[in-house]
Amino acid sequence: GLFEIKKLGDEYFCFITECKDPKACTIILRGASKDVLNETERNLQ
């Protein structure tokens, strides 16, 4: 439904979203630091 380029932090990210019945997805994790994010990802897995 939508293609857009957004800037998060210093980098550009491409979003392809609002898909009808997508059979794939991306989980975006935000957090204070790399260590927090890595531990959060392990737990989320």
PDB file of all heavy atoms in Angstrom:
ATOM      1  N   GLY A   1       0.814  -1.222   0.000  1.00  0.00           N
ATOM      2  CA  GLY A   1       0.000   0.000   0.000  1.00  0.00           C
ATOM      3  C   GLY A   1       0.836   1.256   0.000  1.00  0.00           C
ATOM      4  O   GLY A   1       0.358   2.320  -0.367  1.00  0.00           O
ATOM      5  N   LEU A   2       2.112   1.136   0.439  1.00  0.00           N
ATOM      6  CA  LEU A   2       2.922   2.350   0.570  1.00  0.00           C
ATOM      7  C   LEU A   2       4.409   2.032   0.445  1.00  0.00           C
ATOM      8  O   LEU A   2       4.904   1.064   1.016  1.00  0.00           O
ATOM      9  CB  LEU A   2       2.650   2.981   1.949  1.00  0.00           C
ATOM     10  CG  LEU A   2       3.342   4.295   2.261  1.00  0.00           C
ATOM     11  CD1 LEU A   2       2.869   5.385   1.323  1.00  0.00           C
ATOM     12  CD2 LEU A   2       3.076   4.699   3.707  1.00  0.00           C
ATOM     13  N   PHE A   3       5.103   2.875  -0.354  1.00  0.00           N
ATOM     14  CA  PHE A   3       6.569   2.795  -0.429  1.00  0.00           C
ATOM     15  C   PHE A   3       7.084   4.149   0.025  1.00  0.00           C
ATOM     16  O   PHE A   3       6.679   5.180  -0.503  1.00  0.00           O
ATOM     17  CB  PHE A   3       6.998   2.523  -1.879  1.00  0.00           C
ATOM     18  CG  PHE A   3       8.461   2.800  -2.156  1.00  0.00           C
ATOM     19  CD1 PHE A   3       9.419   1.820  -1.928  1.00  0.00           C
ATOM     20  CD2 PHE A   3       8.883   4.040  -2.635  1.00  0.00           C
ATOM     21  CE1 PHE A   3      10.762   2.078  -2.171  1.00  0.00           C
ATOM     22  CE2 PHE A   3      10.223   4.299  -2.890  1.00  0.00           C
ATOM     23  CZ  PHE A   3      11.164   3.305  -2.651  1.00  0.00           C
ATOM     24  N   GLU A   4       7.954   4.147   1.041  1.00  0.00           N
ATOM     25  CA  GLU A   4       8.517   5.442   1.442  1.00  0.00           C
ATOM     26  C   GLU A   4       9.913   5.270   2.026  1.00  0.00           C
ATOM     27  O   GLU A   4      10.261   4.209   2.548  1.00  0.00           O
ATOM     28  CB  GLU A   4       7.604   6.166   2.431  1.00  0.00           C
ATOM     29  CG  GLU A   4       7.443   5.497   3.762  1.00  0.00           C
ATOM     30  CD  GLU A   4       6.584   6.330   4.714  1.00  0.00           C
ATOM     31  OE1 GLU A   4       6.655   7.566   4.650  1.00  0.00           O
ATOM     32  OE2 GLU A   4       5.861   5.730   5.527  1.00  0.00           O
ATOM     33  N   ILE A   5      10.702   6.342   1.876  1.00  0.00           N
ATOM     34  CA  ILE A   5      12.049   6.370   2.447  1.00  0.00           C
ATOM     35  C   ILE A   5      12.006   7.315   3.630  1.00  0.00           C
ATOM     36  O   ILE A   5      11.561   8.467   3.496  1.00  0.00           O
ATOM     37  CB  ILE A   5      13.084   6.896   1.409  1.00  0.00           C
ATOM     38  CG1 ILE A   5      13.024   6.106   0.108  1.00  0.00           C
ATOM     39  CG2 ILE A   5      14.487   6.900   2.009  1.00  0.00           C
ATOM     40  CD1 ILE A   5      13.720   4.790   0.099  1.00  0.00           C
ATOM     41  N   LYS A   6      12.420   6.827   4.818  1.00  0.00           N
ATOM     42  CA  LYS A   6      12.417   7.679   6.011  1.00  0.00           C
ATOM     43  C   LYS A   6      13.818   7.731   6.586  1.00  0.00           C
ATOM     44  O   LYS A   6      14.578   6.772   6.452  1.00  0.00           O
ATOM     45  CB  LYS A   6      11.517   7.057   7.088  1.00  0.00           C
ATOM     46  CG  LYS A   6      10.059   7.341   6.928  1.00  0.00           C
ATOM     47  CD  LYS A   6       9.374   6.907   8.214  1.00  0.00           C
ATOM     48  CE  LYS A   6       7.911   6.567   8.015  1.00  0.00           C
ATOM     49  NZ  LYS A   6       7.361   5.858   9.162  1.00  0.00           N
ATOM     50  N   LYS A   7      14.116   8.821   7.266  1.00  0.00           N
ATOM     51  CA  LYS A   7      15.415   8.923   7.934  1.00  0.00           C
ATOM     52  C   LYS A   7      15.208   8.655   9.422  1.00  0.00           C
ATOM     53  O   LYS A   7      14.427   9.342  10.076  1.00  0.00           O
ATOM     54  CB  LYS A   7      15.997  10.316   7.717  1.00  0.00           C
ATOM     55  CG  LYS A   7      17.449  10.399   8.115  1.00  0.00           C
ATOM     56  CD  LYS A   7      18.035  11.766   7.810  1.00  0.00           C
ATOM     57  CE  LYS A   7      19.504  11.787   8.165  1.00  0.00           C
ATOM     58  NZ  LYS A   7      20.064  13.108   8.198  1.00  0.00           N
ATOM     59  N   LEU A   8      15.896   7.621   9.928  1.00  0.00           N
ATOM     60  CA  LEU A   8      15.858   7.327  11.362  1.00  0.00           C
ATOM     61  C   LEU A   8      17.275   7.479  11.881  1.00  0.00           C
ATOM     62  O   LEU A   8      18.177   6.777  11.428  1.00  0.00           O
ATOM     63  CB  LEU A   8      15.368   5.900  11.612  1.00  0.00           C
ATOM     64  CG  LEU A   8      13.946   5.570  11.159  1.00  0.00           C
ATOM     65  CD1 LEU A   8      13.662   4.101  11.345  1.00  0.00           C
ATOM     66  CD2 LEU A   8      12.932   6.368  11.954  1.00  0.00           C
ATOM     67  N   GLY A   9      17.481   8.400  12.829  1.00  0.00           N
ATOM     68  CA  GLY A   9      18.849   8.646  13.291  1.00  0.00           C
ATOM     69  C   GLY A   9      19.656   9.252  12.152  1.00  0.00           C
ATOM     70  O   GLY A   9      19.267  10.242  11.543  1.00  0.00           O
ATOM     71  N   ASP A  10      20.787   8.619  11.827  1.00  0.00           N
ATOM     72  CA  ASP A  10      21.652   9.147  10.761  1.00  0.00           C
ATOM     73  C   ASP A  10      21.417   8.461   9.424  1.00  0.00           C
ATOM     74  O   ASP A  10      22.010   8.835   8.423  1.00  0.00           O
ATOM     75  CB  ASP A  10      23.134   8.929  11.141  1.00  0.00           C
ATOM     76  CG  ASP A  10      23.545   9.890  12.229  1.00  0.00           C
ATOM     77  OD1 ASP A  10      22.776  10.833  12.450  1.00  0.00           O
ATOM     78  OD2 ASP A  10      24.598   9.690  12.848  1.00  0.00           O
ATOM     79  N   GLU A  11      20.603   7.410   9.415  1.00  0.00           N
ATOM     80  CA  GLU A  11      20.538   6.573   8.209  1.00  0.00           C
ATOM     81  C   GLU A  11      19.165   6.614   7.568  1.00  0.00           C
ATOM     82  O   GLU A  11      18.157   6.889   8.223  1.00  0.00           O
ATOM     83  CB  GLU A  11      20.913   5.132   8.566  1.00  0.00           C
ATOM     84  CG  GLU A  11      22.301   5.047   9.174  1.00  0.00           C
ATOM     85  CD  GLU A  11      22.784   3.611   9.243  1.00  0.00           C
ATOM     86  OE1 GLU A  11      22.682   2.917   8.221  1.00  0.00           O
ATOM     87  OE2 GLU A  11      23.259   3.200  10.306  1.00  0.00           O
ATOM     88  N   TYR A  12      19.159   6.286   6.272  1.00  0.00           N
ATOM     89  CA  TYR A  12      17.896   6.217   5.532  1.00  0.00           C
ATOM     90  C   TYR A  12      17.405   4.776   5.509  1.00  0.00           C
ATOM     91  O   TYR A  12      18.180   3.852   5.295  1.00  0.00           O
ATOM     92  CB  TYR A  12      18.092   6.711   4.097  1.00  0.00           C
ATOM     93  CG  TYR A  12      18.220   8.216   4.012  1.00  0.00           C
ATOM     94  CD1 TYR A  12      19.468   8.821   3.937  1.00  0.00           C
ATOM     95  CD2 TYR A  12      17.083   9.018   4.011  1.00  0.00           C
ATOM     96  CE1 TYR A  12      19.591  10.204   3.867  1.00  0.00           C
ATOM     97  CE2 TYR A  12      17.193  10.403   3.948  1.00  0.00           C
ATOM     98  CZ  TYR A  12      18.445  10.983   3.872  1.00  0.00           C
ATOM     99  OH  TYR A  12      18.543  12.344   3.820  1.00  0.00           O
ATOM    100  N   PHE A  13      16.099   4.608   5.707  1.00  0.00           N
ATOM    101  CA  PHE A  13      15.499   3.280   5.652  1.00  0.00           C
ATOM    102  C   PHE A  13      14.358   3.291   4.657  1.00  0.00           C
ATOM    103  O   PHE A  13      13.638   4.289   4.546  1.00  0.00           O
ATOM    104  CB  PHE A  13      14.965   2.875   7.032  1.00  0.00           C
ATOM    105  CG  PHE A  13      16.047   2.574   8.027  1.00  0.00           C
ATOM    106  CD1 PHE A  13      16.577   3.588   8.817  1.00  0.00           C
ATOM    107  CD2 PHE A  13      16.544   1.286   8.177  1.00  0.00           C
ATOM    108  CE1 PHE A  13      17.574   3.327   9.731  1.00  0.00           C
ATOM    109  CE2 PHE A  13      17.546   1.012   9.092  1.00  0.00           C
ATOM    110  CZ  PHE A  13      18.065   2.032   9.868  1.00  0.00           C
ATOM    111  N   CYS A  14      14.223   2.169   3.950  1.00  0.00           N
ATOM    112  CA  CYS A  14      13.139   2.053   2.971  1.00  0.00           C
ATOM    113  C   CYS A  14      12.027   1.197   3.568  1.00  0.00           C
ATOM    114  O   CYS A  14      12.291   0.085   4.049  1.00  0.00           O
ATOM    115  CB  CYS A  14      13.688   1.402   1.705  1.00  0.00           C
ATOM    116  SG  CYS A  14      12.379   1.009   0.556  1.00  0.00           S
ATOM    117  N   PHE A  15      10.798   1.712   3.562  1.00  0.00           N
ATOM    118  CA  PHE A  15       9.648   0.982   4.111  1.00  0.00           C
ATOM    119  C   PHE A  15       8.709   0.585   2.970  1.00  0.00           C
ATOM    120  O   PHE A  15       8.344   1.437   2.159  1.00  0.00           O
ATOM    121  CB  PHE A  15       8.854   1.867   5.075  1.00  0.00           C
ATOM    122  CG  PHE A  15       9.575   2.157   6.359  1.00  0.00           C
ATOM    123  CD1 PHE A  15      10.576   3.121   6.418  1.00  0.00           C
ATOM    124  CD2 PHE A  15       9.255   1.463   7.509  1.00  0.00           C
ATOM    125  CE1 PHE A  15      11.232   3.394   7.597  1.00  0.00           C
ATOM    126  CE2 PHE A  15       9.912   1.732   8.700  1.00  0.00           C
ATOM    127  CZ  PHE A  15      10.908   2.693   8.755  1.00  0.00           C
ATOM    128  N   ILE A  16       8.354  -0.696   2.928  1.00  0.00           N
ATOM    129  CA  ILE A  16       7.291  -1.144   1.999  1.00  0.00           C
ATOM    130  C   ILE A  16       6.206  -1.721   2.899  1.00  0.00           C
ATOM    131  O   ILE A  16       6.347  -2.834   3.424  1.00  0.00           O
ATOM    132  CB  ILE A  16       7.826  -2.198   1.012  1.00  0.00           C
ATOM    133  CG1 ILE A  16       8.905  -1.559   0.125  1.00  0.00           C
ATOM    134  CG2 ILE A  16       6.698  -2.755   0.143  1.00  0.00           C
ATOM    135  CD1 ILE A  16       9.620  -2.537  -0.776  1.00  0.00           C
ATOM    136  N   THR A  17       5.165  -0.937   3.148  1.00  0.00           N
ATOM    137  CA  THR A  17       4.202  -1.318   4.194  1.00  0.00           C
ATOM    138  C   THR A  17       2.762  -1.298   3.684  1.00  0.00           C
ATOM    139  O   THR A  17       2.512  -1.095   2.500  1.00  0.00           O
ATOM    140  CB  THR A  17       4.323  -0.354   5.394  1.00  0.00           C
ATOM    141  OG1 THR A  17       4.279   0.982   4.902  1.00  0.00           O
ATOM    142  CG2 THR A  17       5.643  -0.555   6.127  1.00  0.00           C
ATOM    143  N   GLU A  18       1.852  -1.511   4.653  1.00  0.00           N
ATOM    144  CA  GLU A  18       0.407  -1.569   4.376  1.00  0.00           C
ATOM    145  C   GLU A  18       0.104  -2.621   3.318  1.00  0.00           C
ATOM    146  O   GLU A  18      -0.729  -2.400   2.416  1.00  0.00           O
ATOM    147  CB  GLU A  18      -0.119  -0.189   3.942  1.00  0.00           C
ATOM    148  CG  GLU A  18       0.000   0.863   5.031  1.00  0.00           C
ATOM    149  CD  GLU A  18      -0.448   2.251   4.562  1.00  0.00           C
ATOM    150  OE1 GLU A  18      -1.170   2.339   3.551  1.00  0.00           O
ATOM    151  OE2 GLU A  18      -0.062   3.231   5.222  1.00  0.00           O
ATOM    152  N   CYS A  19       0.799  -3.756   3.390  1.00  0.00           N
ATOM    153  CA  CYS A  19       0.587  -4.820   2.389  1.00  0.00           C
ATOM    154  C   CYS A  19      -0.690  -5.587   2.705  1.00  0.00           C
ATOM    155  O   CYS A  19      -1.018  -5.797   3.871  1.00  0.00           O
ATOM    156  CB  CYS A  19       1.771  -5.786   2.386  1.00  0.00           C
ATOM    157  SG  CYS A  19       3.330  -4.984   2.052  1.00  0.00           S
ATOM    158  N   LYS A  20      -1.369  -6.049   1.679  1.00  0.00           N
ATOM    159  CA  LYS A  20      -2.554  -6.887   1.869  1.00  0.00           C
ATOM    160  C   LYS A  20      -2.069  -8.322   2.095  1.00  0.00           C
ATOM    161  O   LYS A  20      -1.418  -8.901   1.232  1.00  0.00           O
ATOM    162  CB  LYS A  20      -3.456  -6.852   0.634  1.00  0.00           C
ATOM    163  CG  LYS A  20      -3.932  -5.462   0.257  1.00  0.00           C
ATOM    164  CD  LYS A  20      -4.721  -5.515  -1.046  1.00  0.00           C
ATOM    165  CE  LYS A  20      -4.905  -4.148  -1.678  1.00  0.00           C
ATOM    166  NZ  LYS A  20      -3.674  -3.616  -2.295  1.00  0.00           N
ATOM    167  N   ASP A  21      -2.376  -8.866   3.270  1.00  0.00           N
ATOM    168  CA  ASP A  21      -2.006 -10.246   3.624  1.00  0.00           C
ATOM    169  C   ASP A  21      -0.527 -10.535   3.329  1.00  0.00           C
ATOM    170  O   ASP A  21      -0.199 -11.382   2.509  1.00  0.00           O
ATOM    171  CB  ASP A  21      -2.903 -11.234   2.843  1.00  0.00           C
ATOM    172  CG  ASP A  21      -2.686 -12.662   3.354  1.00  0.00           C
ATOM    173  OD1 ASP A  21      -2.336 -12.816   4.531  1.00  0.00           O
ATOM    174  OD2 ASP A  21      -2.836 -13.607   2.562  1.00  0.00           O
ATOM    175  N   PRO A  22       0.384  -9.803   3.991  1.00  0.00           N
ATOM    176  CA  PRO A  22       1.806 -10.081   3.736  1.00  0.00           C
ATOM    177  C   PRO A  22       2.186 -11.373   4.439  1.00  0.00           C
ATOM    178  O   PRO A  22       1.705 -11.642   5.530  1.00  0.00           O
ATOM    179  CB  PRO A  22       2.509  -8.894   4.404  1.00  0.00           C
ATOM    180  CG  PRO A  22       1.591  -8.476   5.495  1.00  0.00           C
ATOM    181  CD  PRO A  22       0.195  -8.796   5.054  1.00  0.00           C
ATOM    182  N   LYS A  23       3.015 -12.177   3.818  1.00  0.00           N
ATOM    183  CA  LYS A  23       3.463 -13.407   4.469  1.00  0.00           C
ATOM    184  C   LYS A  23       4.893 -13.229   4.991  1.00  0.00           C
ATOM    185  O   LYS A  23       5.616 -14.201   5.196  1.00  0.00           O
ATOM    186  CB  LYS A  23       3.380 -14.584   3.482  1.00  0.00           C
ATOM    187  CG  LYS A  23       1.957 -15.004   3.194  1.00  0.00           C
ATOM    188  CD  LYS A  23       1.295 -15.512   4.465  1.00  0.00           C
ATOM    189  CE  LYS A  23      -0.186 -15.783   4.293  1.00  0.00           C
ATOM    190  NZ  LYS A  23      -0.877 -15.844   5.584  1.00  0.00           N
ATOM    191  N   ALA A  24       5.314 -11.970   5.132  1.00  0.00           N
ATOM    192  CA  ALA A  24       6.625 -11.670   5.709  1.00  0.00           C
ATOM    193  C   ALA A  24       6.490 -10.365   6.472  1.00  0.00           C
ATOM    194  O   ALA A  24       5.605  -9.564   6.181  1.00  0.00           O
ATOM    195  CB  ALA A  24       7.664 -11.518   4.604  1.00  0.00           C
ATOM    196  N   CYS A  25       7.344 -10.175   7.479  1.00  0.00           N
ATOM    197  CA  CYS A  25       7.231  -8.926   8.239  1.00  0.00           C
ATOM    198  C   CYS A  25       8.589  -8.531   8.798  1.00  0.00           C
ATOM    199  O   CYS A  25       9.519  -9.334   8.826  1.00  0.00           O
ATOM    200  CB  CYS A  25       6.226  -9.075   9.377  1.00  0.00           C
ATOM    201  SG  CYS A  25       6.768 -10.242  10.618  1.00  0.00           S
ATOM    202  N   THR A  26       8.692  -7.285   9.231  1.00  0.00           N
ATOM    203  CA  THR A  26       9.899  -6.799   9.906  1.00  0.00           C
ATOM    204  C   THR A  26       9.479  -6.288  11.267  1.00  0.00           C
ATOM    205  O   THR A  26       8.484  -5.573  11.395  1.00  0.00           O
ATOM    206  CB  THR A  26      10.545  -5.656   9.090  1.00  0.00           C
ATOM    207  OG1 THR A  26      10.872  -6.156   7.797  1.00  0.00           O
ATOM    208  CG2 THR A  26      11.816  -5.171   9.751  1.00  0.00           C
ATOM    209  N   ILE A  27      10.244  -6.685  12.283  1.00  0.00           N
ATOM    210  CA  ILE A  27       9.985  -6.200  13.641  1.00  0.00           C
ATOM    211  C   ILE A  27      11.011  -5.095  13.911  1.00  0.00           C
ATOM    212  O   ILE A  27      12.214  -5.339  13.816  1.00  0.00           O
ATOM    213  CB  ILE A  27      10.157  -7.332  14.669  1.00  0.00           C
ATOM    214  CG1 ILE A  27       9.179  -8.479  14.365  1.00  0.00           C
ATOM    215  CG2 ILE A  27       9.967  -6.829  16.080  1.00  0.00           C
ATOM    216  CD1 ILE A  27       9.510  -9.766  15.072  1.00  0.00           C
ATOM    217  N   ILE A  28      10.525  -3.906  14.203  1.00  0.00           N
ATOM    218  CA  ILE A  28      11.458  -2.805  14.503  1.00  0.00           C
ATOM    219  C   ILE A  28      11.617  -2.717  16.014  1.00  0.00           C
ATOM    220  O   ILE A  28      10.630  -2.560  16.735  1.00  0.00           O
ATOM    221  CB  ILE A  28      10.921  -1.462  13.969  1.00  0.00           C
ATOM    222  CG1 ILE A  28      10.745  -1.528  12.462  1.00  0.00           C
ATOM    223  CG2 ILE A  28      11.856  -0.326  14.337  1.00  0.00           C
ATOM    224  CD1 ILE A  28      10.233  -0.250  11.857  1.00  0.00           C
ATOM    225  N   LEU A  29      12.854  -2.847  16.475  1.00  0.00           N
ATOM    226  CA  LEU A  29      13.137  -2.712  17.901  1.00  0.00           C
ATOM    227  C   LEU A  29      13.840  -1.376  18.139  1.00  0.00           C
ATOM    228  O   LEU A  29      14.813  -1.057  17.463  1.00  0.00           O
ATOM    229  CB  LEU A  29      14.063  -3.832  18.377  1.00  0.00           C
ATOM    230  CG  LEU A  29      13.460  -5.224  18.530  1.00  0.00           C
ATOM    231  CD1 LEU A  29      14.474  -6.147  19.166  1.00  0.00           C
ATOM    232  CD2 LEU A  29      12.204  -5.209  19.376  1.00  0.00           C
ATOM    233  N   ARG A  30      13.318  -0.602  19.069  1.00  0.00           N
ATOM    234  CA  ARG A  30      13.993   0.643  19.460  1.00  0.00           C
ATOM    235  C   ARG A  30      14.447   0.475  20.896  1.00  0.00           C
ATOM    236  O   ARG A  30      13.826  -0.240  21.668  1.00  0.00           O
ATOM    237  CB  ARG A  30      13.022   1.834  19.375  1.00  0.00           C
ATOM    238  CG  ARG A  30      12.350   2.051  18.055  1.00  0.00           C
ATOM    239  CD  ARG A  30      13.288   2.309  16.900  1.00  0.00           C
ATOM    240  NE  ARG A  30      14.223   3.398  17.104  1.00  0.00           N
ATOM    241  CZ  ARG A  30      14.036   4.643  16.693  1.00  0.00           C
ATOM    242  NH1 ARG A  30      12.948   4.970  16.047  1.00  0.00           N
ATOM    243  NH2 ARG A  30      14.956   5.576  16.896  1.00  0.00           N
ATOM    244  N   GLY A  31      15.529   1.164  21.250  1.00  0.00           N
ATOM    245  CA  GLY A  31      16.016   1.039  22.628  1.00  0.00           C
ATOM    246  C   GLY A  31      17.162   2.000  22.859  1.00  0.00           C
ATOM    247  O   GLY A  31      17.686   2.611  21.923  1.00  0.00           O
ATOM    248  N   ALA A  32      17.561   2.108  24.130  1.00  0.00           N
ATOM    249  CA  ALA A  32      18.534   3.119  24.502  1.00  0.00           C
ATOM    250  C   ALA A  32      19.918   2.869  23.923  1.00  0.00           C
ATOM    251  O   ALA A  32      20.561   3.758  23.410  1.00  0.00           O
ATOM    252  CB  ALA A  32      18.619   3.191  26.019  1.00  0.00           C
ATOM    253  N   SER A  33      20.385   1.613  23.997  1.00  0.00           N
ATOM    254  CA  SER A  33      21.758   1.343  23.557  1.00  0.00           C
ATOM    255  C   SER A  33      21.831   0.002  22.845  1.00  0.00           C
ATOM    256  O   SER A  33      20.880  -0.780  22.871  1.00  0.00           O
ATOM    257  CB  SER A  33      22.696   1.318  24.761  1.00  0.00           C
ATOM    258  OG  SER A  33      22.431   0.155  25.521  1.00  0.00           O
ATOM    259  N   LYS A  34      22.983  -0.271  22.257  1.00  0.00           N
ATOM    260  CA  LYS A  34      23.158  -1.522  21.514  1.00  0.00           C
ATOM    261  C   LYS A  34      22.991  -2.739  22.424  1.00  0.00           C
ATOM    262  O   LYS A  34      22.396  -3.734  22.043  1.00  0.00           O
ATOM    263  CB  LYS A  34      24.549  -1.543  20.873  1.00  0.00           C
ATOM    264  CG  LYS A  34      24.596  -0.878  19.514  1.00  0.00           C
ATOM    265  CD  LYS A  34      25.605  -1.597  18.589  1.00  0.00           C
ATOM    266  CE  LYS A  34      25.479  -1.130  17.158  1.00  0.00           C
ATOM    267  NZ  LYS A  34      26.115   0.167  16.909  1.00  0.00           N
ATOM    268  N   ASP A  35      23.554  -2.670  23.651  1.00  0.00           N
ATOM    269  CA  ASP A  35      23.471  -3.812  24.576  1.00  0.00           C
ATOM    270  C   ASP A  35      22.019  -4.130  24.922  1.00  0.00           C
ATOM    271  O   ASP A  35      21.603  -5.282  24.934  1.00  0.00           O
ATOM    272  CB  ASP A  35      24.237  -3.510  25.884  1.00  0.00           C
ATOM    273  CG  ASP A  35      25.744  -3.555  25.654  1.00  0.00           C
ATOM    274  OD1 ASP A  35      26.165  -4.311  24.763  1.00  0.00           O
ATOM    275  OD2 ASP A  35      26.480  -2.839  26.350  1.00  0.00           O
ATOM    276  N   VAL A  36      21.253  -3.080  25.198  1.00  0.00           N
ATOM    277  CA  VAL A  36      19.825  -3.265  25.521  1.00  0.00           C
ATOM    278  C   VAL A  36      19.117  -3.897  24.328  1.00  0.00           C
ATOM    279  O   VAL A  36      18.321  -4.832  24.478  1.00  0.00           O
ATOM    280  CB  VAL A  36      19.177  -1.907  25.883  1.00  0.00           C
ATOM    281  CG1 VAL A  36      17.665  -2.029  25.959  1.00  0.00           C
ATOM    282  CG2 VAL A  36      19.729  -1.395  27.199  1.00  0.00           C
ATOM    283  N   LEU A  37      19.409  -3.395  23.123  1.00  0.00           N
ATOM    284  CA  LEU A  37      18.751  -3.920  21.918  1.00  0.00           C
ATOM    285  C   LEU A  37      19.110  -5.378  21.675  1.00  0.00           C
ATOM    286  O   LEU A  37      18.247  -6.181  21.308  1.00  0.00           O
ATOM    287  CB  LEU A  37      19.144  -3.085  20.695  1.00  0.00           C
ATOM    288  CG  LEU A  37      18.411  -1.753  20.550  1.00  0.00           C
ATOM    289  CD1 LEU A  37      18.998  -0.950  19.419  1.00  0.00           C
ATOM    290  CD2 LEU A  37      16.935  -1.980  20.301  1.00  0.00           C
ATOM    291  N   ASN A  38      20.391  -5.726  21.864  1.00  0.00           N
ATOM    292  CA  ASN A  38      20.803  -7.119  21.628  1.00  0.00           C
ATOM    293  C   ASN A  38      20.105  -8.074  22.580  1.00  0.00           C
ATOM    294  O   ASN A  38      19.649  -9.142  22.179  1.00  0.00           O
ATOM    295  CB  ASN A  38      22.329  -7.268  21.789  1.00  0.00           C
ATOM    296  CG  ASN A  38      23.062  -6.613  20.637  1.00  0.00           C
ATOM    297  OD1 ASN A  38      22.485  -6.396  19.571  1.00  0.00           O
ATOM    298  ND2 ASN A  38      24.317  -6.278  20.835  1.00  0.00           N
ATOM    299  N   GLU A  39      20.022  -7.686  23.858  1.00  0.00           N
ATOM    300  CA  GLU A  39      19.359  -8.551  24.843  1.00  0.00           C
ATOM    301  C   GLU A  39      17.865  -8.639  24.535  1.00  0.00           C
ATOM    302  O   GLU A  39      17.258  -9.703  24.622  1.00  0.00           O
ATOM    303  CB  GLU A  39      19.605  -7.989  26.250  1.00  0.00           C
ATOM    304  CG  GLU A  39      19.001  -8.802  27.370  1.00  0.00           C
ATOM    305  CD  GLU A  39      19.537 -10.216  27.489  1.00  0.00           C
ATOM    306  OE1 GLU A  39      20.410 -10.656  26.705  1.00  0.00           O
ATOM    307  OE2 GLU A  39      19.041 -10.943  28.358  1.00  0.00           O
ATOM    308  N   THR A  40      17.263  -7.506  24.138  1.00  0.00           N
ATOM    309  CA  THR A  40      15.834  -7.499  23.790  1.00  0.00           C
ATOM    310  C   THR A  40      15.583  -8.432  22.608  1.00  0.00           C
ATOM    311  O   THR A  40      14.607  -9.186  22.598  1.00  0.00           O
ATOM    312  CB  THR A  40      15.375  -6.072  23.429  1.00  0.00           C
ATOM    313  OG1 THR A  40      15.775  -5.198  24.466  1.00  0.00           O
ATOM    314  CG2 THR A  40      13.880  -6.000  23.257  1.00  0.00           C
ATOM    315  N   GLU A  41      16.479  -8.390  21.620  1.00  0.00           N
ATOM    316  CA  GLU A  41      16.294  -9.258  20.445  1.00  0.00           C
ATOM    317  C   GLU A  41      16.372 -10.725  20.846  1.00  0.00           C
ATOM    318  O   GLU A  41      15.571 -11.542  20.400  1.00  0.00           O
ATOM    319  CB  GLU A  41      17.363  -8.956  19.383  1.00  0.00           C
ATOM    320  CG  GLU A  41      17.118  -9.758  18.115  1.00  0.00           C
ATOM    321  CD  GLU A  41      18.300  -9.762  17.153  1.00  0.00           C
ATOM    322  OE1 GLU A  41      19.406  -9.365  17.535  1.00  0.00           O
ATOM    323  OE2 GLU A  41      18.089 -10.179  16.011  1.00  0.00           O
ATOM    324  N   ARG A  42      17.344 -11.089  21.715  1.00  0.00           N
ATOM    325  CA  ARG A  42      17.460 -12.491  22.139  1.00  0.00           C
ATOM    326  C   ARG A  42      16.182 -12.949  22.826  1.00  0.00           C
ATOM    327  O   ARG A  42      15.688 -14.044  22.594  1.00  0.00           O
ATOM    328  CB  ARG A  42      18.649 -12.643  23.093  1.00  0.00           C
ATOM    329  CG  ARG A  42      19.982 -12.783  22.376  1.00  0.00           C
ATOM    330  CD  ARG A  42      21.076 -13.171  23.336  1.00  0.00           C
ATOM    331  NE  ARG A  42      21.466 -12.057  24.183  1.00  0.00           N
ATOM    332  CZ  ARG A  42      22.426 -11.184  23.880  1.00  0.00           C
ATOM    333  NH1 ARG A  42      23.090 -11.315  22.753  1.00  0.00           N
ATOM    334  NH2 ARG A  42      22.740 -10.200  24.691  1.00  0.00           N
ATOM    335  N   ASN A  43      15.638 -12.074  23.693  1.00  0.00           N
ATOM    336  CA  ASN A  43      14.410 -12.432  24.410  1.00  0.00           C
ATOM    337  C   ASN A  43      13.225 -12.534  23.463  1.00  0.00           C
ATOM    338  O   ASN A  43      12.373 -13.411  23.606  1.00  0.00           O
ATOM    339  CB  ASN A  43      14.104 -11.386  25.491  1.00  0.00           C
ATOM    340  CG  ASN A  43      15.197 -11.282  26.540  1.00  0.00           C
ATOM    341  OD1 ASN A  43      15.249 -10.333  27.276  1.00  0.00           O
ATOM    342  ND2 ASN A  43      16.091 -12.253  26.592  1.00  0.00           N
ATOM    343  N   LEU A  44      13.180 -11.625  22.494  1.00  0.00           N
ATOM    344  CA  LEU A  44      12.069 -11.626  21.545  1.00  0.00           C
ATOM    345  C   LEU A  44      12.106 -12.888  20.678  1.00  0.00           C
ATOM    346  O   LEU A  44      11.054 -13.446  20.337  1.00  0.00           O
ATOM    347  CB  LEU A  44      12.132 -10.369  20.667  1.00  0.00           C
ATOM    348  CG  LEU A  44      10.895 -10.123  19.832  1.00  0.00           C
ATOM    349  CD1 LEU A  44       9.700  -9.848  20.724  1.00  0.00           C
ATOM    350  CD2 LEU A  44      11.092  -8.943  18.903  1.00  0.00           C
ATOM    351  N   GLN A  45      13.311 -13.344  20.341  1.00  0.00           N
ATOM    352  CA  GLN A  45      13.424 -14.594  19.558  1.00  0.00           C
ATOM    353  C   GLN A  45      12.792 -15.745  20.322  1.00  0.00           C
ATOM    354  O   GLN A  45      12.101 -16.584  19.747  1.00  0.00           O
ATOM    355  CB  GLN A  45      14.899 -14.915  19.257  1.00  0.00           C
ATOM    356  CG  GLN A  45      15.548 -14.030  18.221  1.00  0.00           C
ATOM    357  CD  GLN A  45      14.920 -14.160  16.837  1.00  0.00           C
ATOM    358  OE1 GLN A  45      14.167 -15.084  16.552  1.00  0.00           O
ATOM    359  NE2 GLN A  45      15.211 -13.213  15.969  1.00  0.00           N
TER     360      GLN A  45
END
